[in-house]
Amino acid sequence: MFIVNNDNSILNHFLAELREVDIQKDRQRFRRNLERVAEILAYEISKSLYYQNKQIQTPLQKTNIQLLMDFPVIISVMRAGLPFHQGFLNIFDHADSGFLGAYRKHTTEEEFSIFLGYQAMPSVDNKVVILADPMLATGKSMVRAIESILQNGKPEKFILASAIATPEAMQYLEEELSVNYSVYIGALDERLNEKAYILPGLGDAGDLSFGNKKEH
């Protein structure tokens, strides 16, 4: 598990603006901050990928440089994942993309299951898959997403990326996943509350990005 804000960096400013109640009222700024956090995570993830030597021609002479052997596949969990996804695409600009629609279906105020709806998936066989969801609360959405992806192929490995995560989610992933995976997060928060929301967290990232949704 790689926690970016274990070391001080500009990421802290973006996370602070995502959390600050007055600043996060500006939806455009909130979406842009999610995008910027994803760009930083993508840069850190890029260090773990595979590279090969390639010769290029400058205006003056030829030179060698290490370039990515293959771009990862980026799969995001909607709807909060849409601006987050764009941040990864800004860095991995030749990557294929996939999308999953996930939502909580409550049986009681505290009890819920994760349901997947819309899915659009590229080929993932033998690929490095970045599974992006800005809020990793319980870990259930990530596990369900991985189960769905595995029905479409067998990736070489998964890289799970979130702006904010919880210790409960980390434990759940460790207990439930048998695939090759690593985790990159902006910050590891304190805990979940009784309604399975992250503390201190930032609220509902989807609502803050796009407006309050109508509950069914």
N, C-alpha and C. Protein backbone atom coordinates (compact mmCIF):
# COMPACT_ATOMS: atom_id res chain seq x y z
N MET A 1 0.84 -1.19 0.00
CA MET A 1 0.00 0.00 0.00
C MET A 1 0.88 1.24 0.00
N PHE A 2 0.63 2.14 -0.96
CA PHE A 2 1.40 3.37 -1.09
C PHE A 2 0.49 4.54 -0.71
N ILE A 3 0.80 5.25 0.37
CA ILE A 3 0.02 6.38 0.85
C ILE A 3 0.79 7.65 0.53
N VAL A 4 0.32 8.43 -0.44
CA VAL A 4 1.10 9.54 -0.96
C VAL A 4 1.34 10.61 0.09
N ASN A 5 0.33 10.92 0.92
CA ASN A 5 0.53 12.03 1.85
C ASN A 5 1.27 11.63 3.12
N ASN A 6 1.86 10.44 3.12
CA ASN A 6 2.81 10.12 4.19
C ASN A 6 4.03 11.04 4.11
N ASP A 7 4.30 11.53 2.90
CA ASP A 7 5.34 12.54 2.70
C ASP A 7 4.66 13.84 2.29
N ASN A 8 5.08 14.95 2.87
CA ASN A 8 4.48 16.23 2.55
C ASN A 8 4.73 16.60 1.09
N SER A 9 3.66 17.05 0.43
CA SER A 9 3.75 17.49 -0.97
C SER A 9 2.56 18.38 -1.26
N ILE A 10 2.50 18.91 -2.48
CA ILE A 10 1.39 19.75 -2.91
C ILE A 10 0.07 18.99 -2.86
N LEU A 11 0.11 17.67 -2.86
CA LEU A 11 -1.11 16.87 -2.74
C LEU A 11 -1.94 17.31 -1.54
N ASN A 12 -1.28 17.68 -0.44
CA ASN A 12 -2.01 18.07 0.76
C ASN A 12 -2.92 19.27 0.50
N HIS A 13 -2.50 20.19 -0.36
CA HIS A 13 -3.33 21.34 -0.68
C HIS A 13 -4.60 20.92 -1.41
N PHE A 14 -4.46 19.97 -2.34
CA PHE A 14 -5.63 19.51 -3.10
C PHE A 14 -6.58 18.73 -2.20
N LEU A 15 -6.04 17.89 -1.31
CA LEU A 15 -6.88 17.16 -0.37
C LEU A 15 -7.59 18.11 0.59
N ALA A 16 -6.88 19.14 1.05
CA ALA A 16 -7.49 20.11 1.95
C ALA A 16 -8.67 20.81 1.28
N GLU A 17 -8.51 21.19 0.02
CA GLU A 17 -9.60 21.86 -0.70
C GLU A 17 -10.76 20.91 -0.95
N LEU A 18 -10.48 19.64 -1.18
CA LEU A 18 -11.56 18.66 -1.34
C LEU A 18 -12.37 18.51 -0.06
N ARG A 19 -11.73 18.65 1.09
CA ARG A 19 -12.40 18.44 2.38
C ARG A 19 -13.08 19.70 2.91
N GLU A 20 -12.52 20.87 2.64
CA GLU A 20 -12.98 22.12 3.24
C GLU A 20 -14.39 22.47 2.76
N VAL A 21 -15.34 22.59 3.71
CA VAL A 21 -16.76 22.70 3.36
C VAL A 21 -17.07 23.94 2.52
N ASP A 22 -16.39 25.04 2.75
CA ASP A 22 -16.68 26.24 1.96
C ASP A 22 -16.11 26.14 0.55
N ILE A 23 -14.90 25.60 0.43
CA ILE A 23 -14.28 25.48 -0.89
C ILE A 23 -15.00 24.44 -1.74
N GLN A 24 -15.42 23.33 -1.14
CA GLN A 24 -16.00 22.24 -1.92
C GLN A 24 -17.38 22.59 -2.48
N LYS A 25 -17.96 23.73 -2.09
CA LYS A 25 -19.23 24.15 -2.67
C LYS A 25 -19.07 24.54 -4.14
N ASP A 26 -17.87 24.84 -4.55
CA ASP A 26 -17.57 25.16 -5.95
C ASP A 26 -17.36 23.83 -6.68
N ARG A 27 -18.38 23.38 -7.40
CA ARG A 27 -18.32 22.06 -8.04
C ARG A 27 -17.17 21.95 -9.03
N GLN A 28 -16.97 22.99 -9.82
CA GLN A 28 -15.89 22.94 -10.81
C GLN A 28 -14.54 22.76 -10.13
N ARG A 29 -14.34 23.49 -9.05
CA ARG A 29 -13.08 23.38 -8.31
C ARG A 29 -12.95 22.02 -7.67
N PHE A 30 -14.06 21.48 -7.15
CA PHE A 30 -14.02 20.15 -6.55
C PHE A 30 -13.62 19.10 -7.58
N ARG A 31 -14.24 19.16 -8.76
CA ARG A 31 -13.90 18.20 -9.82
C ARG A 31 -12.44 18.33 -10.23
N ARG A 32 -11.98 19.57 -10.34
CA ARG A 32 -10.59 19.79 -10.74
C ARG A 32 -9.62 19.26 -9.69
N ASN A 33 -9.97 19.41 -8.41
CA ASN A 33 -9.10 18.87 -7.36
C ASN A 33 -9.06 17.35 -7.38
N LEU A 34 -10.19 16.69 -7.65
CA LEU A 34 -10.16 15.24 -7.83
C LEU A 34 -9.25 14.86 -8.98
N GLU A 35 -9.34 15.64 -10.05
CA GLU A 35 -8.50 15.39 -11.23
C GLU A 35 -7.02 15.54 -10.88
N ARG A 36 -6.69 16.57 -10.11
CA ARG A 36 -5.28 16.81 -9.76
C ARG A 36 -4.74 15.74 -8.82
N VAL A 37 -5.56 15.28 -7.88
CA VAL A 37 -5.13 14.17 -7.02
C VAL A 37 -4.84 12.94 -7.87
N ALA A 38 -5.71 12.66 -8.84
CA ALA A 38 -5.49 11.51 -9.72
C ALA A 38 -4.22 11.66 -10.53
N GLU A 39 -3.91 12.86 -10.97
CA GLU A 39 -2.67 13.08 -11.74
C GLU A 39 -1.45 12.73 -10.89
N ILE A 40 -1.47 13.12 -9.62
CA ILE A 40 -0.35 12.80 -8.74
C ILE A 40 -0.26 11.30 -8.50
N LEU A 41 -1.40 10.65 -8.27
CA LEU A 41 -1.41 9.19 -8.09
C LEU A 41 -0.89 8.50 -9.35
N ALA A 42 -1.32 8.98 -10.51
CA ALA A 42 -0.87 8.38 -11.77
C ALA A 42 0.64 8.48 -11.92
N TYR A 43 1.20 9.63 -11.56
CA TYR A 43 2.65 9.80 -11.63
C TYR A 43 3.35 8.79 -10.72
N GLU A 44 2.85 8.63 -9.50
CA GLU A 44 3.45 7.66 -8.58
C GLU A 44 3.31 6.24 -9.10
N ILE A 45 2.15 5.92 -9.65
CA ILE A 45 1.93 4.59 -10.21
C ILE A 45 2.87 4.33 -11.38
N SER A 46 3.14 5.37 -12.17
CA SER A 46 3.98 5.19 -13.36
C SER A 46 5.36 4.66 -13.01
N LYS A 47 5.83 4.92 -11.80
CA LYS A 47 7.15 4.43 -11.38
C LYS A 47 7.18 2.91 -11.24
N SER A 48 6.02 2.28 -11.08
CA SER A 48 5.96 0.83 -10.85
C SER A 48 5.73 0.04 -12.13
N LEU A 49 5.56 0.71 -13.26
CA LEU A 49 5.24 0.03 -14.52
C LEU A 49 6.51 -0.41 -15.25
N TYR A 50 6.33 -1.06 -16.40
CA TYR A 50 7.44 -1.66 -17.13
C TYR A 50 7.90 -0.72 -18.25
N TYR A 51 9.22 -0.60 -18.38
CA TYR A 51 9.82 0.32 -19.35
C TYR A 51 10.81 -0.42 -20.26
N GLN A 52 11.03 0.16 -21.41
CA GLN A 52 12.03 -0.38 -22.33
C GLN A 52 12.81 0.76 -22.97
N ASN A 53 14.03 0.47 -23.34
CA ASN A 53 14.89 1.48 -23.95
C ASN A 53 14.48 1.73 -25.40
N LYS A 54 14.40 3.01 -25.77
CA LYS A 54 14.05 3.37 -27.14
C LYS A 54 14.93 4.52 -27.60
N GLN A 55 15.36 4.45 -28.84
CA GLN A 55 16.16 5.51 -29.42
C GLN A 55 15.26 6.52 -30.12
N ILE A 56 15.48 7.81 -29.84
CA ILE A 56 14.73 8.86 -30.51
C ILE A 56 15.69 9.85 -31.16
N GLN A 57 15.15 10.63 -32.07
CA GLN A 57 15.96 11.60 -32.81
C GLN A 57 15.62 13.02 -32.33
N THR A 58 16.58 13.72 -31.76
CA THR A 58 16.40 15.14 -31.44
C THR A 58 16.86 15.97 -32.64
N PRO A 59 16.66 17.28 -32.64
CA PRO A 59 17.18 18.10 -33.76
C PRO A 59 18.69 18.03 -33.91
N LEU A 60 19.40 17.56 -32.86
CA LEU A 60 20.86 17.56 -32.90
C LEU A 60 21.48 16.18 -33.04
N GLN A 61 20.87 15.18 -32.41
CA GLN A 61 21.44 13.83 -32.50
C GLN A 61 20.43 12.82 -31.97
N LYS A 62 20.81 11.56 -32.08
CA LYS A 62 19.99 10.50 -31.52
C LYS A 62 20.33 10.32 -30.05
N THR A 63 19.31 9.88 -29.26
CA THR A 63 19.53 9.62 -27.83
C THR A 63 18.59 8.51 -27.38
N ASN A 64 18.93 7.88 -26.27
CA ASN A 64 18.13 6.78 -25.74
C ASN A 64 17.35 7.24 -24.52
N ILE A 65 16.16 6.67 -24.36
CA ILE A 65 15.30 7.00 -23.23
C ILE A 65 14.43 5.79 -22.89
N GLN A 66 14.10 5.66 -21.61
CA GLN A 66 13.24 4.57 -21.17
C GLN A 66 11.78 4.99 -21.30
N LEU A 67 11.01 4.26 -22.09
CA LEU A 67 9.60 4.55 -22.32
C LEU A 67 8.74 3.37 -21.89
N LEU A 68 7.47 3.66 -21.55
CA LEU A 68 6.55 2.61 -21.16
C LEU A 68 6.45 1.54 -22.24
N MET A 69 6.51 0.30 -21.82
CA MET A 69 6.31 -0.80 -22.76
C MET A 69 4.86 -0.87 -23.21
N ASP A 70 3.93 -0.63 -22.28
CA ASP A 70 2.51 -0.72 -22.59
C ASP A 70 1.76 0.17 -21.60
N PHE A 71 0.77 0.88 -22.08
CA PHE A 71 -0.02 1.71 -21.18
C PHE A 71 -1.02 0.85 -20.42
N PRO A 72 -1.31 1.22 -19.18
CA PRO A 72 -2.32 0.46 -18.42
C PRO A 72 -3.71 0.71 -18.98
N VAL A 73 -4.65 -0.13 -18.57
CA VAL A 73 -6.07 0.10 -18.81
C VAL A 73 -6.62 0.79 -17.57
N ILE A 74 -7.36 1.87 -17.77
CA ILE A 74 -7.93 2.63 -16.65
C ILE A 74 -9.42 2.35 -16.60
N ILE A 75 -9.88 1.81 -15.50
CA ILE A 75 -11.31 1.52 -15.31
C ILE A 75 -11.78 2.27 -14.07
N SER A 76 -12.82 3.07 -14.22
CA SER A 76 -13.29 3.91 -13.13
C SER A 76 -14.71 3.56 -12.73
N VAL A 77 -14.98 3.76 -11.44
CA VAL A 77 -16.30 3.52 -10.88
C VAL A 77 -17.06 4.85 -10.90
N MET A 78 -18.17 4.88 -11.63
CA MET A 78 -18.97 6.11 -11.74
C MET A 78 -19.88 6.24 -10.51
N ARG A 79 -20.35 7.50 -10.21
CA ARG A 79 -20.18 8.68 -11.05
C ARG A 79 -19.05 9.57 -10.56
N ALA A 80 -18.72 9.45 -9.27
CA ALA A 80 -17.64 10.27 -8.71
C ALA A 80 -16.32 9.99 -9.41
N GLY A 81 -16.20 8.83 -10.05
CA GLY A 81 -14.95 8.47 -10.70
C GLY A 81 -14.69 9.20 -12.00
N LEU A 82 -15.66 9.95 -12.52
CA LEU A 82 -15.48 10.59 -13.83
C LEU A 82 -14.39 11.66 -13.81
N PRO A 83 -14.42 12.66 -12.92
CA PRO A 83 -13.31 13.62 -12.90
C PRO A 83 -12.00 12.98 -12.46
N PHE A 84 -12.09 12.00 -11.57
CA PHE A 84 -10.91 11.26 -11.12
C PHE A 84 -10.27 10.54 -12.31
N HIS A 85 -11.12 9.93 -13.14
CA HIS A 85 -10.66 9.22 -14.33
C HIS A 85 -9.88 10.15 -15.26
N GLN A 86 -10.39 11.37 -15.43
CA GLN A 86 -9.72 12.30 -16.34
C GLN A 86 -8.30 12.60 -15.90
N GLY A 87 -8.07 12.66 -14.59
CA GLY A 87 -6.72 12.89 -14.10
C GLY A 87 -5.76 11.79 -14.52
N PHE A 88 -6.21 10.55 -14.48
CA PHE A 88 -5.36 9.44 -14.92
C PHE A 88 -5.12 9.51 -16.43
N LEU A 89 -6.16 9.87 -17.19
CA LEU A 89 -5.99 10.00 -18.64
C LEU A 89 -5.04 11.14 -19.01
N ASN A 90 -5.00 12.18 -18.20
CA ASN A 90 -4.08 13.28 -18.48
C ASN A 90 -2.62 12.82 -18.45
N ILE A 91 -2.34 11.81 -17.63
CA ILE A 91 -0.98 11.27 -17.52
C ILE A 91 -0.79 10.08 -18.47
N PHE A 92 -1.68 9.11 -18.41
CA PHE A 92 -1.60 7.94 -19.30
C PHE A 92 -2.48 8.20 -20.52
N ASP A 93 -2.03 9.10 -21.39
CA ASP A 93 -2.90 9.64 -22.43
C ASP A 93 -3.18 8.67 -23.57
N HIS A 94 -2.48 7.53 -23.62
CA HIS A 94 -2.76 6.53 -24.65
C HIS A 94 -3.46 5.30 -24.08
N ALA A 95 -3.94 5.41 -22.85
CA ALA A 95 -4.55 4.26 -22.19
C ALA A 95 -5.96 4.01 -22.70
N ASP A 96 -6.35 2.73 -22.76
CA ASP A 96 -7.74 2.37 -22.97
C ASP A 96 -8.51 2.60 -21.67
N SER A 97 -9.82 2.85 -21.81
CA SER A 97 -10.65 3.17 -20.65
C SER A 97 -11.85 2.24 -20.55
N GLY A 98 -12.26 2.01 -19.31
CA GLY A 98 -13.49 1.28 -19.03
C GLY A 98 -14.24 1.96 -17.91
N PHE A 99 -15.55 1.67 -17.79
CA PHE A 99 -16.38 2.31 -16.79
C PHE A 99 -17.36 1.32 -16.18
N LEU A 100 -17.58 1.48 -14.88
CA LEU A 100 -18.55 0.67 -14.15
C LEU A 100 -19.44 1.61 -13.34
N GLY A 101 -20.73 1.33 -13.36
CA GLY A 101 -21.66 2.07 -12.52
C GLY A 101 -21.98 1.26 -11.28
N ALA A 102 -21.64 1.79 -10.10
CA ALA A 102 -21.88 1.08 -8.84
C ALA A 102 -22.67 1.97 -7.90
N TYR A 103 -23.55 1.36 -7.11
CA TYR A 103 -24.30 2.13 -6.13
C TYR A 103 -24.65 1.25 -4.93
N ARG A 104 -24.88 1.94 -3.81
CA ARG A 104 -25.30 1.26 -2.59
C ARG A 104 -26.82 1.07 -2.61
N LYS A 105 -27.27 -0.15 -2.34
CA LYS A 105 -28.70 -0.41 -2.19
C LYS A 105 -28.94 -0.77 -0.73
N HIS A 106 -29.60 0.14 0.00
CA HIS A 106 -29.78 -0.03 1.44
C HIS A 106 -30.97 -0.92 1.74
N THR A 107 -30.78 -1.85 2.67
CA THR A 107 -31.88 -2.62 3.24
C THR A 107 -32.33 -2.00 4.55
N THR A 108 -31.38 -1.42 5.29
CA THR A 108 -31.67 -0.58 6.44
C THR A 108 -30.78 0.64 6.33
N GLU A 109 -30.87 1.56 7.29
CA GLU A 109 -30.03 2.75 7.24
C GLU A 109 -28.55 2.41 7.31
N GLU A 110 -28.23 1.30 8.03
CA GLU A 110 -26.83 0.91 8.18
C GLU A 110 -26.42 -0.23 7.25
N GLU A 111 -27.36 -1.07 6.80
CA GLU A 111 -27.04 -2.23 5.99
C GLU A 111 -27.28 -1.95 4.52
N PHE A 112 -26.32 -2.35 3.67
CA PHE A 112 -26.48 -2.14 2.24
C PHE A 112 -25.65 -3.17 1.47
N SER A 113 -26.01 -3.33 0.20
CA SER A 113 -25.23 -4.15 -0.74
C SER A 113 -24.79 -3.28 -1.89
N ILE A 114 -23.74 -3.71 -2.58
CA ILE A 114 -23.23 -2.98 -3.73
C ILE A 114 -23.77 -3.61 -5.01
N PHE A 115 -24.41 -2.80 -5.84
CA PHE A 115 -24.92 -3.27 -7.11
C PHE A 115 -24.19 -2.56 -8.25
N LEU A 116 -23.88 -3.32 -9.28
CA LEU A 116 -23.25 -2.77 -10.47
C LEU A 116 -24.28 -2.65 -11.57
N GLY A 117 -24.26 -1.53 -12.27
CA GLY A 117 -25.19 -1.32 -13.36
C GLY A 117 -24.46 -1.25 -14.68
N TYR A 118 -24.30 -0.04 -15.22
CA TYR A 118 -23.66 0.17 -16.52
C TYR A 118 -22.22 -0.34 -16.52
N GLN A 119 -21.85 -1.03 -17.61
CA GLN A 119 -20.48 -1.50 -17.76
C GLN A 119 -20.04 -1.32 -19.22
N ALA A 120 -18.85 -0.79 -19.40
CA ALA A 120 -18.22 -0.70 -20.72
C ALA A 120 -16.75 -1.01 -20.52
N MET A 121 -16.29 -2.10 -21.12
CA MET A 121 -14.98 -2.63 -20.77
C MET A 121 -14.13 -2.94 -22.00
N PRO A 122 -12.89 -2.44 -22.07
CA PRO A 122 -11.98 -2.87 -23.13
C PRO A 122 -11.37 -4.23 -22.77
N SER A 123 -10.51 -4.74 -23.64
CA SER A 123 -9.79 -5.96 -23.33
C SER A 123 -8.83 -5.72 -22.16
N VAL A 124 -8.83 -6.64 -21.21
CA VAL A 124 -7.96 -6.51 -20.05
C VAL A 124 -6.96 -7.66 -19.92
N ASP A 125 -6.99 -8.61 -20.85
CA ASP A 125 -6.12 -9.77 -20.77
C ASP A 125 -4.65 -9.35 -20.75
N ASN A 126 -3.93 -9.83 -19.74
CA ASN A 126 -2.49 -9.59 -19.58
C ASN A 126 -2.13 -8.11 -19.46
N LYS A 127 -3.09 -7.31 -19.04
CA LYS A 127 -2.87 -5.87 -18.90
C LYS A 127 -2.71 -5.50 -17.42
N VAL A 128 -2.03 -4.39 -17.18
CA VAL A 128 -2.08 -3.75 -15.87
C VAL A 128 -3.34 -2.89 -15.85
N VAL A 129 -4.23 -3.17 -14.90
CA VAL A 129 -5.49 -2.44 -14.80
C VAL A 129 -5.45 -1.50 -13.60
N ILE A 130 -5.64 -0.21 -13.85
CA ILE A 130 -5.81 0.75 -12.77
C ILE A 130 -7.30 0.88 -12.52
N LEU A 131 -7.74 0.48 -11.34
CA LEU A 131 -9.14 0.57 -10.96
C LEU A 131 -9.29 1.79 -10.06
N ALA A 132 -9.98 2.81 -10.55
CA ALA A 132 -10.00 4.11 -9.90
C ALA A 132 -11.37 4.40 -9.30
N ASP A 133 -11.37 4.72 -8.02
CA ASP A 133 -12.58 5.14 -7.30
C ASP A 133 -12.13 6.12 -6.23
N PRO A 134 -12.55 7.38 -6.28
CA PRO A 134 -11.95 8.37 -5.37
C PRO A 134 -12.15 8.08 -3.89
N MET A 135 -13.25 7.41 -3.51
CA MET A 135 -13.51 7.14 -2.11
C MET A 135 -13.55 5.64 -1.88
N LEU A 136 -12.58 5.13 -1.13
CA LEU A 136 -12.52 3.70 -0.81
C LEU A 136 -12.94 3.54 0.64
N ALA A 137 -14.26 3.36 0.84
CA ALA A 137 -14.84 3.37 2.18
C ALA A 137 -14.84 1.98 2.81
N THR A 138 -15.70 1.10 2.30
CA THR A 138 -15.78 -0.27 2.84
C THR A 138 -14.92 -1.24 2.05
N GLY A 139 -14.62 -0.93 0.80
CA GLY A 139 -13.91 -1.84 -0.08
C GLY A 139 -14.83 -2.73 -0.89
N LYS A 140 -16.13 -2.71 -0.59
CA LYS A 140 -17.06 -3.61 -1.28
C LYS A 140 -17.20 -3.28 -2.76
N SER A 141 -17.22 -1.99 -3.10
CA SER A 141 -17.34 -1.61 -4.51
C SER A 141 -16.12 -2.08 -5.31
N MET A 142 -14.94 -1.96 -4.72
CA MET A 142 -13.72 -2.40 -5.39
C MET A 142 -13.76 -3.90 -5.65
N VAL A 143 -14.17 -4.67 -4.65
CA VAL A 143 -14.22 -6.12 -4.81
C VAL A 143 -15.23 -6.51 -5.88
N ARG A 144 -16.42 -5.90 -5.85
CA ARG A 144 -17.42 -6.20 -6.86
C ARG A 144 -16.93 -5.80 -8.25
N ALA A 145 -16.24 -4.67 -8.34
CA ALA A 145 -15.71 -4.23 -9.63
C ALA A 145 -14.68 -5.22 -10.17
N ILE A 146 -13.80 -5.68 -9.31
CA ILE A 146 -12.79 -6.66 -9.73
C ILE A 146 -13.45 -7.94 -10.19
N GLU A 147 -14.46 -8.40 -9.48
CA GLU A 147 -15.19 -9.61 -9.89
C GLU A 147 -15.79 -9.43 -11.28
N SER A 148 -16.33 -8.24 -11.55
CA SER A 148 -16.91 -7.97 -12.86
C SER A 148 -15.84 -7.92 -13.95
N ILE A 149 -14.71 -7.28 -13.65
CA ILE A 149 -13.63 -7.19 -14.63
C ILE A 149 -13.10 -8.58 -14.98
N LEU A 150 -12.98 -9.45 -13.99
CA LEU A 150 -12.45 -10.79 -14.23
C LEU A 150 -13.37 -11.63 -15.11
N GLN A 151 -14.62 -11.23 -15.24
CA GLN A 151 -15.52 -11.93 -16.16
C GLN A 151 -15.22 -11.57 -17.61
N ASN A 152 -14.43 -10.50 -17.82
CA ASN A 152 -14.10 -10.04 -19.16
C ASN A 152 -12.66 -10.35 -19.57
N GLY A 153 -11.91 -10.97 -18.69
CA GLY A 153 -10.52 -11.30 -19.00
C GLY A 153 -9.69 -11.43 -17.74
N LYS A 154 -8.42 -11.70 -17.93
CA LYS A 154 -7.52 -11.90 -16.80
C LYS A 154 -6.36 -10.91 -16.88
N PRO A 155 -6.42 -9.82 -16.12
CA PRO A 155 -5.32 -8.85 -16.11
C PRO A 155 -4.06 -9.45 -15.49
N GLU A 156 -2.92 -8.87 -15.82
CA GLU A 156 -1.67 -9.26 -15.17
C GLU A 156 -1.69 -8.88 -13.70
N LYS A 157 -2.17 -7.65 -13.43
CA LYS A 157 -2.31 -7.21 -12.05
C LYS A 157 -3.26 -6.03 -11.99
N PHE A 158 -3.77 -5.78 -10.80
CA PHE A 158 -4.63 -4.63 -10.53
C PHE A 158 -3.87 -3.61 -9.69
N ILE A 159 -4.07 -2.33 -10.02
CA ILE A 159 -3.62 -1.24 -9.17
C ILE A 159 -4.86 -0.46 -8.76
N LEU A 160 -5.17 -0.49 -7.46
CA LEU A 160 -6.36 0.18 -6.94
C LEU A 160 -5.97 1.58 -6.50
N ALA A 161 -6.69 2.58 -7.00
CA ALA A 161 -6.31 3.97 -6.76
C ALA A 161 -7.49 4.75 -6.21
N SER A 162 -7.27 5.45 -5.08
CA SER A 162 -8.31 6.26 -4.45
C SER A 162 -7.68 7.51 -3.84
N ALA A 163 -8.48 8.57 -3.77
CA ALA A 163 -8.03 9.78 -3.10
C ALA A 163 -7.97 9.57 -1.60
N ILE A 164 -9.01 8.92 -1.05
CA ILE A 164 -9.12 8.70 0.39
C ILE A 164 -9.60 7.28 0.63
N ALA A 165 -9.02 6.61 1.63
CA ALA A 165 -9.41 5.25 1.97
C ALA A 165 -9.46 5.09 3.48
N THR A 166 -9.95 3.94 3.93
CA THR A 166 -10.06 3.64 5.37
C THR A 166 -9.32 2.36 5.72
N PRO A 167 -8.92 2.21 6.98
CA PRO A 167 -8.33 0.94 7.41
C PRO A 167 -9.29 -0.23 7.23
N GLU A 168 -10.59 0.01 7.41
CA GLU A 168 -11.57 -1.06 7.23
C GLU A 168 -11.56 -1.59 5.79
N ALA A 169 -11.44 -0.67 4.83
CA ALA A 169 -11.39 -1.09 3.43
C ALA A 169 -10.13 -1.89 3.14
N MET A 170 -9.00 -1.47 3.69
CA MET A 170 -7.75 -2.19 3.47
C MET A 170 -7.85 -3.62 4.00
N GLN A 171 -8.46 -3.76 5.16
CA GLN A 171 -8.62 -5.09 5.75
C GLN A 171 -9.57 -5.94 4.90
N TYR A 172 -10.67 -5.33 4.43
CA TYR A 172 -11.63 -6.06 3.62
C TYR A 172 -11.00 -6.54 2.31
N LEU A 173 -10.22 -5.70 1.67
CA LEU A 173 -9.54 -6.10 0.44
C LEU A 173 -8.59 -7.26 0.69
N GLU A 174 -7.85 -7.18 1.78
CA GLU A 174 -6.90 -8.25 2.10
C GLU A 174 -7.62 -9.57 2.34
N GLU A 175 -8.79 -9.51 2.94
CA GLU A 175 -9.54 -10.73 3.24
C GLU A 175 -10.24 -11.31 2.01
N GLU A 176 -10.68 -10.44 1.10
CA GLU A 176 -11.55 -10.88 0.01
C GLU A 176 -10.84 -11.11 -1.33
N LEU A 177 -9.68 -10.50 -1.54
CA LEU A 177 -9.05 -10.57 -2.85
C LEU A 177 -7.93 -11.60 -2.88
N SER A 178 -7.95 -12.40 -3.94
CA SER A 178 -6.88 -13.37 -4.16
C SER A 178 -6.09 -13.05 -5.43
N VAL A 179 -6.38 -11.89 -6.05
CA VAL A 179 -5.68 -11.48 -7.27
C VAL A 179 -4.41 -10.73 -6.90
N ASN A 180 -3.55 -10.53 -7.90
CA ASN A 180 -2.34 -9.73 -7.73
C ASN A 180 -2.74 -8.25 -7.76
N TYR A 181 -2.56 -7.55 -6.64
CA TYR A 181 -2.98 -6.15 -6.60
C TYR A 181 -2.07 -5.33 -5.69
N SER A 182 -2.07 -4.02 -5.95
CA SER A 182 -1.44 -3.05 -5.06
C SER A 182 -2.39 -1.88 -4.91
N VAL A 183 -2.15 -1.03 -3.90
CA VAL A 183 -3.07 0.06 -3.59
C VAL A 183 -2.28 1.37 -3.52
N TYR A 184 -2.79 2.39 -4.20
CA TYR A 184 -2.23 3.74 -4.13
C TYR A 184 -3.35 4.68 -3.69
N ILE A 185 -3.12 5.39 -2.58
CA ILE A 185 -4.14 6.29 -2.06
C ILE A 185 -3.51 7.63 -1.68
N GLY A 186 -4.34 8.67 -1.75
CA GLY A 186 -3.85 9.97 -1.34
C GLY A 186 -3.68 10.05 0.17
N ALA A 187 -4.71 9.61 0.90
CA ALA A 187 -4.68 9.66 2.36
C ALA A 187 -5.45 8.48 2.94
N LEU A 188 -4.94 7.97 4.06
CA LEU A 188 -5.64 6.92 4.80
C LEU A 188 -6.31 7.59 6.00
N ASP A 189 -7.65 7.64 5.96
CA ASP A 189 -8.39 8.33 7.01
C ASP A 189 -8.58 7.44 8.25
N GLU A 190 -9.27 7.99 9.25
CA GLU A 190 -9.33 7.34 10.56
C GLU A 190 -10.19 6.08 10.57
N ARG A 191 -11.45 6.19 10.09
CA ARG A 191 -12.36 5.06 10.24
C ARG A 191 -13.65 5.34 9.48
N LEU A 192 -14.55 4.33 9.50
CA LEU A 192 -15.91 4.50 9.02
C LEU A 192 -16.83 4.83 10.19
N ASN A 193 -17.90 5.60 9.91
CA ASN A 193 -18.90 5.78 10.95
C ASN A 193 -19.95 4.69 10.85
N GLU A 194 -21.02 4.78 11.64
CA GLU A 194 -22.02 3.72 11.68
C GLU A 194 -22.80 3.58 10.38
N LYS A 195 -22.76 4.60 9.53
CA LYS A 195 -23.43 4.53 8.23
C LYS A 195 -22.45 4.22 7.10
N ALA A 196 -21.25 3.82 7.46
CA ALA A 196 -20.20 3.43 6.49
C ALA A 196 -19.74 4.61 5.64
N TYR A 197 -19.71 5.80 6.23
CA TYR A 197 -19.10 6.96 5.60
C TYR A 197 -17.73 7.22 6.24
N ILE A 198 -16.82 7.74 5.44
CA ILE A 198 -15.44 7.92 5.89
C ILE A 198 -15.34 9.12 6.83
N LEU A 199 -14.60 8.93 7.92
CA LEU A 199 -14.27 10.02 8.85
C LEU A 199 -12.76 10.22 8.86
N PRO A 200 -12.24 11.47 8.73
CA PRO A 200 -13.01 12.69 8.54
C PRO A 200 -13.63 12.84 7.16
N GLY A 201 -13.08 12.19 6.15
CA GLY A 201 -13.69 12.15 4.83
C GLY A 201 -13.88 13.51 4.20
N LEU A 202 -14.88 13.58 3.30
CA LEU A 202 -15.19 14.84 2.64
C LEU A 202 -16.66 14.94 2.23
N GLY A 203 -17.46 13.95 2.57
CA GLY A 203 -18.85 13.92 2.13
C GLY A 203 -19.02 13.00 0.94
N ASP A 204 -20.06 13.22 0.15
CA ASP A 204 -20.37 12.40 -1.03
C ASP A 204 -19.69 13.01 -2.24
N ALA A 205 -18.65 12.36 -2.74
CA ALA A 205 -17.87 12.91 -3.86
C ALA A 205 -18.70 13.04 -5.12
N GLY A 206 -19.65 12.13 -5.34
CA GLY A 206 -20.50 12.22 -6.51
C GLY A 206 -21.42 13.42 -6.45
N ASP A 207 -22.05 13.64 -5.30
CA ASP A 207 -22.93 14.79 -5.13
C ASP A 207 -22.16 16.10 -5.23
N LEU A 208 -20.97 16.13 -4.64
CA LEU A 208 -20.16 17.36 -4.68
C LEU A 208 -19.66 17.66 -6.10
N SER A 209 -19.50 16.62 -6.89
CA SER A 209 -19.06 16.82 -8.28
C SER A 209 -20.18 17.22 -9.21
N PHE A 210 -21.37 16.62 -9.01
CA PHE A 210 -22.42 16.73 -10.03
C PHE A 210 -23.79 17.14 -9.50
N GLY A 211 -23.94 17.34 -8.19
CA GLY A 211 -25.23 17.69 -7.63
C GLY A 211 -25.86 16.51 -6.92
N ASN A 212 -26.77 16.82 -6.00
CA ASN A 212 -27.41 15.76 -5.21
C ASN A 212 -28.27 14.87 -6.10
N LYS A 213 -28.15 13.57 -5.87
CA LYS A 213 -28.93 12.60 -6.64
C LYS A 213 -30.25 12.34 -5.94
N LYS A 214 -31.24 11.95 -6.71
CA LYS A 214 -32.53 11.57 -6.16
C LYS A 214 -32.45 10.14 -5.65
N GLU A 215 -32.81 9.95 -4.40
CA GLU A 215 -32.77 8.62 -3.81
C GLU A 215 -33.98 7.81 -4.24
N HIS A 216 -33.74 6.49 -4.50
CA HIS A 216 -34.84 5.59 -4.90
C HIS A 216 -35.06 4.57 -3.79
